């Protein structure tokens, strides 16, 4: 089952079950997916849906940081709940060893020797870890391995 179909089914279940908070989050996700489809005039596949979900997670992490800094724990709790629902649609996270192996292989495949080659390496790694690893951590690992 595609992610979009799973979201639709979960939205129906939340409606029937009266889970208004979960329903609201799923509707936000569906709206973000639909917005991107309309903007780009395409139908998103699962990989593209995952990128939308990753972006939404990143936005919520940033919001939590800002809310906590401003002393608004009530708003931070709402964002954390939304993150939990969104993370439920993400694939299982990769272990550090798996990520390290992929980065090492990508460096060899790209023939990378210095930090100047970081873009090539990240370009090879990103499709392999999409949705299963934090790209910020992956980039830091690539930079470290390339001596940057």
N, C-alpha and C. Protein backbone atom coordinates (compact mmCIF):
# COMPACT_ATOMS: atom_id res chain seq x y z
N UNK A 1 0.85 -1.18 0.00
CA UNK A 1 0.00 0.00 0.00
C UNK A 1 0.89 1.24 0.00
N UNK A 2 0.52 2.20 -0.82
CA UNK A 2 1.31 3.43 -0.90
C UNK A 2 1.09 4.27 0.37
N UNK A 3 2.01 5.17 0.62
CA UNK A 3 1.90 6.05 1.79
C UNK A 3 0.64 6.92 1.70
N UNK A 4 0.35 7.41 0.50
CA UNK A 4 -0.84 8.26 0.35
C UNK A 4 -2.10 7.47 0.68
N UNK A 5 -2.16 6.22 0.25
CA UNK A 5 -3.34 5.39 0.54
C UNK A 5 -3.42 5.09 2.04
N UNK A 6 -2.27 4.83 2.65
CA UNK A 6 -2.25 4.58 4.09
C UNK A 6 -2.73 5.81 4.86
N UNK A 7 -2.30 7.00 4.44
CA UNK A 7 -2.74 8.24 5.08
C UNK A 7 -4.26 8.40 4.95
N UNK A 8 -4.78 8.10 3.77
CA UNK A 8 -6.23 8.21 3.54
C UNK A 8 -6.99 7.24 4.43
N UNK A 9 -6.50 6.01 4.51
CA UNK A 9 -7.16 5.00 5.35
C UNK A 9 -7.11 5.40 6.82
N UNK A 10 -5.95 5.91 7.26
CA UNK A 10 -5.81 6.34 8.66
C UNK A 10 -6.68 7.55 8.95
N UNK A 11 -6.86 8.43 7.96
CA UNK A 11 -7.72 9.58 8.15
C UNK A 11 -9.17 9.12 8.36
N UNK A 12 -9.61 8.16 7.57
CA UNK A 12 -10.97 7.62 7.73
C UNK A 12 -11.14 6.96 9.09
N UNK A 13 -10.12 6.22 9.52
CA UNK A 13 -10.18 5.55 10.82
C UNK A 13 -10.24 6.58 11.95
N UNK A 14 -9.47 7.66 11.83
CA UNK A 14 -9.48 8.70 12.85
C UNK A 14 -10.83 9.40 12.90
N UNK A 15 -11.44 9.59 11.73
CA UNK A 15 -12.79 10.20 11.70
C UNK A 15 -13.79 9.31 12.42
N UNK A 16 -13.76 8.03 12.09
CA UNK A 16 -14.71 7.09 12.69
C UNK A 16 -14.47 6.93 14.18
N UNK A 17 -13.19 6.97 14.58
CA UNK A 17 -12.84 6.79 15.98
C UNK A 17 -12.96 8.07 16.81
N UNK A 18 -13.18 9.19 16.18
CA UNK A 18 -13.31 10.46 16.90
C UNK A 18 -12.00 11.00 17.43
N UNK A 19 -10.88 10.59 16.87
CA UNK A 19 -9.57 11.06 17.30
C UNK A 19 -9.24 12.36 16.55
N UNK A 20 -9.72 13.47 17.10
CA UNK A 20 -9.63 14.76 16.40
C UNK A 20 -8.20 15.26 16.25
N UNK A 21 -7.36 15.03 17.27
CA UNK A 21 -5.98 15.51 17.19
C UNK A 21 -5.23 14.80 16.06
N UNK A 22 -5.33 13.47 16.02
CA UNK A 22 -4.66 12.69 14.97
C UNK A 22 -5.22 13.05 13.60
N UNK A 23 -6.52 13.20 13.52
CA UNK A 23 -7.18 13.57 12.27
C UNK A 23 -6.63 14.90 11.75
N UNK A 24 -6.46 15.86 12.64
CA UNK A 24 -5.93 17.16 12.24
C UNK A 24 -4.53 17.07 11.67
N UNK A 25 -3.69 16.24 12.29
CA UNK A 25 -2.31 16.09 11.81
C UNK A 25 -2.30 15.41 10.44
N UNK A 26 -3.11 14.36 10.29
CA UNK A 26 -3.15 13.65 9.00
C UNK A 26 -3.67 14.59 7.90
N UNK A 27 -4.63 15.42 8.25
CA UNK A 27 -5.13 16.39 7.26
C UNK A 27 -4.05 17.38 6.87
N UNK A 28 -3.23 17.81 7.83
CA UNK A 28 -2.10 18.70 7.52
C UNK A 28 -1.13 18.04 6.55
N UNK A 29 -0.83 16.77 6.80
CA UNK A 29 0.08 16.03 5.94
C UNK A 29 -0.51 15.92 4.54
N UNK A 30 -1.78 15.52 4.46
CA UNK A 30 -2.43 15.40 3.15
C UNK A 30 -2.45 16.73 2.41
N UNK A 31 -2.68 17.81 3.13
CA UNK A 31 -2.70 19.13 2.51
C UNK A 31 -1.32 19.49 1.96
N UNK A 32 -0.26 19.17 2.71
CA UNK A 32 1.10 19.47 2.24
C UNK A 32 1.43 18.65 0.99
N UNK A 33 0.99 17.39 0.98
CA UNK A 33 1.23 16.54 -0.19
C UNK A 33 0.47 17.09 -1.39
N UNK A 34 -0.79 17.42 -1.19
CA UNK A 34 -1.62 17.93 -2.28
C UNK A 34 -1.06 19.26 -2.80
N UNK A 35 -0.59 20.12 -1.90
CA UNK A 35 -0.03 21.41 -2.30
C UNK A 35 1.17 21.21 -3.21
N UNK A 36 2.04 20.28 -2.84
CA UNK A 36 3.21 20.02 -3.68
C UNK A 36 2.80 19.44 -5.03
N UNK A 37 1.80 18.56 -5.03
CA UNK A 37 1.33 17.99 -6.29
C UNK A 37 0.76 19.07 -7.21
N UNK A 38 0.01 19.98 -6.64
CA UNK A 38 -0.58 21.06 -7.43
C UNK A 38 0.50 22.02 -7.93
N UNK A 39 1.43 22.38 -7.04
CA UNK A 39 2.49 23.32 -7.42
C UNK A 39 3.37 22.77 -8.54
N UNK A 40 3.69 21.48 -8.45
CA UNK A 40 4.61 20.90 -9.43
C UNK A 40 3.89 20.17 -10.56
N UNK A 41 2.57 20.11 -10.47
CA UNK A 41 1.73 19.42 -11.47
C UNK A 41 2.19 17.99 -11.73
N UNK A 42 2.39 17.26 -10.61
CA UNK A 42 2.79 15.86 -10.68
C UNK A 42 1.99 15.07 -9.64
N UNK A 43 2.09 13.75 -9.71
CA UNK A 43 1.54 12.89 -8.68
C UNK A 43 2.74 12.34 -7.92
N UNK A 44 2.76 12.56 -6.61
CA UNK A 44 3.92 12.16 -5.81
C UNK A 44 3.95 10.66 -5.60
N UNK A 45 5.16 10.09 -5.71
CA UNK A 45 5.34 8.69 -5.36
C UNK A 45 5.77 8.62 -3.89
N UNK A 46 5.99 7.42 -3.38
CA UNK A 46 6.32 7.27 -1.96
C UNK A 46 7.59 8.01 -1.56
N UNK A 47 8.60 8.01 -2.41
CA UNK A 47 9.85 8.71 -2.08
C UNK A 47 9.61 10.21 -1.95
N UNK A 48 8.79 10.77 -2.82
CA UNK A 48 8.50 12.20 -2.76
C UNK A 48 7.61 12.52 -1.55
N UNK A 49 6.69 11.62 -1.21
CA UNK A 49 5.86 11.80 -0.02
C UNK A 49 6.75 11.80 1.22
N UNK A 50 7.75 10.90 1.23
CA UNK A 50 8.68 10.87 2.36
C UNK A 50 9.44 12.18 2.49
N UNK A 51 9.81 12.79 1.37
CA UNK A 51 10.52 14.07 1.45
C UNK A 51 9.61 15.15 2.03
N UNK A 52 8.31 15.11 1.71
CA UNK A 52 7.35 16.06 2.30
C UNK A 52 7.27 15.83 3.82
N UNK A 53 7.21 14.56 4.21
CA UNK A 53 7.13 14.24 5.64
C UNK A 53 8.40 14.68 6.37
N UNK A 54 9.57 14.46 5.75
CA UNK A 54 10.83 14.89 6.36
C UNK A 54 10.84 16.40 6.57
N UNK A 55 10.36 17.13 5.58
CA UNK A 55 10.32 18.59 5.68
C UNK A 55 9.40 19.01 6.82
N UNK A 56 8.25 18.34 6.94
CA UNK A 56 7.32 18.68 8.01
C UNK A 56 7.93 18.38 9.38
N UNK A 57 8.66 17.27 9.48
CA UNK A 57 9.33 16.94 10.75
C UNK A 57 10.37 17.99 11.11
N UNK A 58 11.14 18.41 10.13
CA UNK A 58 12.17 19.42 10.37
C UNK A 58 11.53 20.73 10.85
N UNK A 59 10.42 21.12 10.22
CA UNK A 59 9.73 22.34 10.62
C UNK A 59 9.26 22.24 12.07
N UNK A 60 8.75 21.07 12.45
CA UNK A 60 8.24 20.90 13.80
C UNK A 60 9.37 20.89 14.82
N UNK A 61 10.50 20.29 14.47
CA UNK A 61 11.66 20.30 15.38
C UNK A 61 12.11 21.74 15.62
N UNK A 62 12.16 22.53 14.56
CA UNK A 62 12.54 23.93 14.71
C UNK A 62 11.53 24.68 15.58
N UNK A 63 10.25 24.39 15.38
CA UNK A 63 9.21 25.05 16.17
C UNK A 63 9.32 24.69 17.64
N UNK A 64 9.59 23.42 17.94
CA UNK A 64 9.73 22.99 19.33
C UNK A 64 10.87 23.76 19.99
N UNK A 65 11.99 23.88 19.30
CA UNK A 65 13.14 24.62 19.84
C UNK A 65 12.76 26.06 20.14
N UNK A 66 12.07 26.70 19.21
CA UNK A 66 11.68 28.10 19.40
C UNK A 66 10.66 28.24 20.53
N UNK A 67 9.68 27.35 20.57
CA UNK A 67 8.66 27.44 21.63
C UNK A 67 9.27 27.22 23.00
N UNK A 68 10.19 26.25 23.10
CA UNK A 68 10.82 26.01 24.40
C UNK A 68 11.66 27.20 24.82
N UNK A 69 12.33 27.84 23.85
CA UNK A 69 13.12 29.03 24.14
C UNK A 69 12.27 30.18 24.62
N UNK A 70 11.02 30.23 24.14
CA UNK A 70 10.11 31.31 24.52
C UNK A 70 9.28 30.93 25.75
N UNK A 71 9.51 29.72 26.29
CA UNK A 71 8.77 29.31 27.48
C UNK A 71 7.33 28.89 27.19
N UNK A 72 7.03 28.50 25.97
CA UNK A 72 5.67 28.08 25.59
C UNK A 72 5.61 26.56 25.48
N UNK A 73 5.66 25.89 26.61
CA UNK A 73 5.66 24.44 26.65
C UNK A 73 4.36 23.86 26.08
N UNK A 74 3.25 24.59 26.22
CA UNK A 74 1.97 24.11 25.69
C UNK A 74 2.04 23.96 24.17
N UNK A 75 2.61 24.94 23.49
CA UNK A 75 2.74 24.88 22.04
C UNK A 75 3.79 23.85 21.62
N UNK A 76 4.86 23.72 22.39
CA UNK A 76 5.89 22.73 22.09
C UNK A 76 5.31 21.32 22.19
N UNK A 77 4.42 21.09 23.15
CA UNK A 77 3.81 19.77 23.31
C UNK A 77 2.94 19.42 22.10
N UNK A 78 2.25 20.40 21.56
CA UNK A 78 1.43 20.16 20.36
C UNK A 78 2.33 19.76 19.19
N UNK A 79 3.43 20.48 19.02
CA UNK A 79 4.37 20.18 17.94
C UNK A 79 4.97 18.78 18.12
N UNK A 80 5.29 18.40 19.37
CA UNK A 80 5.85 17.07 19.62
C UNK A 80 4.83 15.98 19.28
N UNK A 81 3.56 16.23 19.58
CA UNK A 81 2.52 15.26 19.23
C UNK A 81 2.45 15.10 17.72
N UNK A 82 2.47 16.22 16.99
CA UNK A 82 2.43 16.17 15.53
C UNK A 82 3.64 15.41 14.98
N UNK A 83 4.81 15.63 15.58
CA UNK A 83 6.01 14.91 15.15
C UNK A 83 5.83 13.41 15.34
N UNK A 84 5.22 13.01 16.45
CA UNK A 84 5.00 11.59 16.73
C UNK A 84 4.11 10.95 15.69
N UNK A 85 3.05 11.65 15.30
CA UNK A 85 2.13 11.12 14.29
C UNK A 85 2.85 11.01 12.94
N UNK A 86 3.57 12.04 12.56
CA UNK A 86 4.27 12.04 11.27
C UNK A 86 5.34 10.95 11.24
N UNK A 87 6.08 10.80 12.35
CA UNK A 87 7.13 9.78 12.40
C UNK A 87 6.56 8.38 12.23
N UNK A 88 5.29 8.19 12.55
CA UNK A 88 4.65 6.90 12.37
C UNK A 88 4.58 6.47 10.92
N UNK A 89 4.71 7.41 10.00
CA UNK A 89 4.66 7.10 8.57
C UNK A 89 6.04 6.99 7.95
N UNK A 90 7.06 7.27 8.74
CA UNK A 90 8.43 7.20 8.24
C UNK A 90 8.95 5.76 8.37
N UNK A 91 9.83 5.34 7.46
CA UNK A 91 10.42 4.00 7.58
C UNK A 91 11.33 3.93 8.79
N UNK A 92 11.67 2.71 9.20
CA UNK A 92 12.54 2.51 10.36
C UNK A 92 13.88 3.20 10.13
N UNK A 93 14.41 3.79 11.19
CA UNK A 93 15.69 4.50 11.10
C UNK A 93 16.83 3.51 10.91
N UNK A 94 17.85 3.95 10.20
CA UNK A 94 19.04 3.13 9.95
C UNK A 94 19.99 3.24 11.14
N UNK A 95 20.77 2.18 11.36
CA UNK A 95 21.76 2.22 12.43
C UNK A 95 22.96 3.04 11.96
N UNK A 96 23.77 3.46 12.92
CA UNK A 96 24.97 4.25 12.59
C UNK A 96 25.92 3.43 11.72
N UNK A 97 26.00 2.14 11.96
CA UNK A 97 26.87 1.27 11.16
C UNK A 97 26.42 1.19 9.72
N UNK A 98 25.11 1.08 9.50
CA UNK A 98 24.58 1.02 8.14
C UNK A 98 24.87 2.32 7.38
N UNK A 99 24.64 3.44 8.05
CA UNK A 99 24.89 4.74 7.43
C UNK A 99 26.37 4.89 7.10
N UNK A 100 27.23 4.49 8.04
CA UNK A 100 28.68 4.58 7.84
C UNK A 100 29.10 3.76 6.62
N UNK A 101 28.54 2.56 6.47
CA UNK A 101 28.88 1.69 5.34
C UNK A 101 28.45 2.33 4.02
N UNK A 102 27.26 2.91 4.00
CA UNK A 102 26.76 3.56 2.78
C UNK A 102 27.64 4.75 2.41
N UNK A 103 28.01 5.56 3.41
CA UNK A 103 28.85 6.73 3.16
C UNK A 103 30.23 6.30 2.65
N UNK A 104 30.80 5.29 3.27
CA UNK A 104 32.12 4.80 2.85
C UNK A 104 32.08 4.31 1.41
N UNK A 105 31.04 3.55 1.06
CA UNK A 105 30.89 3.04 -0.31
C UNK A 105 30.69 4.20 -1.30
N UNK A 106 29.90 5.20 -0.91
CA UNK A 106 29.66 6.35 -1.79
C UNK A 106 30.94 7.14 -2.03
N UNK A 107 31.76 7.28 -1.00
CA UNK A 107 33.03 7.99 -1.17
C UNK A 107 33.91 7.25 -2.18
N UNK A 108 33.95 5.91 -2.06
CA UNK A 108 34.74 5.12 -3.00
C UNK A 108 34.16 5.20 -4.41
N UNK A 109 32.84 5.11 -4.54
CA UNK A 109 32.19 5.17 -5.86
C UNK A 109 32.42 6.51 -6.55
N UNK A 110 32.40 7.58 -5.76
CA UNK A 110 32.55 8.93 -6.32
C UNK A 110 34.03 9.27 -6.55
N UNK A 111 34.91 8.48 -5.97
CA UNK A 111 36.34 8.79 -6.08
C UNK A 111 36.67 10.07 -5.32
N UNK A 112 35.93 10.32 -4.25
CA UNK A 112 36.09 11.56 -3.48
C UNK A 112 37.39 11.52 -2.67
N UNK A 113 38.07 12.65 -2.66
CA UNK A 113 39.33 12.74 -1.92
C UNK A 113 39.37 13.92 -0.95
N UNK A 114 38.50 14.90 -1.16
CA UNK A 114 38.54 16.07 -0.28
C UNK A 114 37.13 16.61 -0.06
N UNK A 115 37.03 17.62 0.79
CA UNK A 115 35.73 18.23 1.10
C UNK A 115 35.08 18.84 -0.13
N UNK A 116 35.86 19.12 -1.18
CA UNK A 116 35.30 19.67 -2.41
C UNK A 116 34.34 18.68 -3.08
N UNK A 117 34.53 17.39 -2.80
CA UNK A 117 33.71 16.33 -3.41
C UNK A 117 32.48 15.98 -2.57
N UNK A 118 32.24 16.74 -1.53
CA UNK A 118 31.15 16.43 -0.61
C UNK A 118 29.79 16.38 -1.31
N UNK A 119 29.55 17.28 -2.24
CA UNK A 119 28.27 17.31 -2.96
C UNK A 119 28.01 16.03 -3.73
N UNK A 120 29.06 15.52 -4.38
CA UNK A 120 28.92 14.27 -5.14
C UNK A 120 28.56 13.12 -4.22
N UNK A 121 29.25 13.04 -3.08
CA UNK A 121 29.03 11.94 -2.14
C UNK A 121 27.63 12.02 -1.55
N UNK A 122 27.24 13.19 -1.10
CA UNK A 122 25.90 13.36 -0.52
C UNK A 122 24.83 13.03 -1.57
N UNK A 123 25.09 13.40 -2.82
CA UNK A 123 24.16 13.08 -3.90
C UNK A 123 23.97 11.59 -4.08
N UNK A 124 25.01 10.82 -3.86
CA UNK A 124 24.92 9.36 -3.96
C UNK A 124 24.26 8.74 -2.73
N UNK A 125 24.50 9.33 -1.57
CA UNK A 125 23.99 8.77 -0.31
C UNK A 125 22.51 9.08 -0.11
N UNK A 126 22.10 10.27 -0.46
CA UNK A 126 20.74 10.72 -0.15
C UNK A 126 19.63 9.76 -0.61
N UNK A 127 19.64 9.28 -1.86
CA UNK A 127 18.55 8.38 -2.26
C UNK A 127 18.54 7.06 -1.47
N UNK A 128 19.70 6.64 -0.98
CA UNK A 128 19.79 5.37 -0.27
C UNK A 128 19.28 5.47 1.17
N UNK A 129 19.33 6.66 1.75
CA UNK A 129 18.94 6.81 3.16
C UNK A 129 17.69 7.67 3.34
N UNK A 130 17.06 8.04 2.24
CA UNK A 130 15.91 8.95 2.29
C UNK A 130 14.86 8.47 3.29
N UNK A 131 14.56 9.31 4.25
CA UNK A 131 13.53 9.01 5.23
C UNK A 131 13.99 8.11 6.36
N UNK A 132 15.18 7.54 6.23
CA UNK A 132 15.64 6.59 7.25
C UNK A 132 16.84 7.10 8.04
N UNK A 133 17.30 8.30 7.70
CA UNK A 133 18.43 8.90 8.42
C UNK A 133 18.33 10.41 8.35
N UNK A 134 18.85 11.08 9.37
CA UNK A 134 18.87 12.54 9.42
C UNK A 134 19.98 13.02 8.49
N UNK A 135 19.60 13.76 7.46
CA UNK A 135 20.59 14.20 6.46
C UNK A 135 21.63 15.14 7.07
N UNK A 136 21.30 15.84 8.13
CA UNK A 136 22.28 16.69 8.80
C UNK A 136 23.41 15.85 9.38
N UNK A 137 23.06 14.73 10.00
CA UNK A 137 24.07 13.83 10.55
C UNK A 137 24.86 13.15 9.45
N UNK A 138 24.17 12.79 8.37
CA UNK A 138 24.85 12.15 7.23
C UNK A 138 25.87 13.13 6.64
N UNK A 139 25.48 14.37 6.44
CA UNK A 139 26.40 15.38 5.90
C UNK A 139 27.60 15.57 6.80
N UNK A 140 27.38 15.59 8.12
CA UNK A 140 28.48 15.75 9.06
C UNK A 140 29.44 14.56 8.97
N UNK A 141 28.89 13.36 8.80
CA UNK A 141 29.72 12.17 8.67
C UNK A 141 30.55 12.22 7.39
N UNK A 142 29.91 12.63 6.29
CA UNK A 142 30.63 12.75 5.02
C UNK A 142 31.76 13.76 5.16
N UNK A 143 31.46 14.88 5.77
CA UNK A 143 32.47 15.94 5.95
C UNK A 143 33.63 15.42 6.80
N UNK A 144 33.31 14.69 7.86
CA UNK A 144 34.35 14.15 8.73
C UNK A 144 35.23 13.16 7.97
N UNK A 145 34.62 12.28 7.19
CA UNK A 145 35.38 11.27 6.46
C UNK A 145 36.24 11.88 5.35
N UNK A 146 35.79 13.00 4.79
CA UNK A 146 36.55 13.66 3.74
C UNK A 146 37.57 14.66 4.30
N UNK A 147 37.62 14.75 5.62
CA UNK A 147 38.60 15.62 6.24
C UNK A 147 38.24 17.10 6.17
N UNK A 148 36.91 17.38 6.18
CA UNK A 148 36.47 18.76 6.06
C UNK A 148 36.24 19.39 7.31
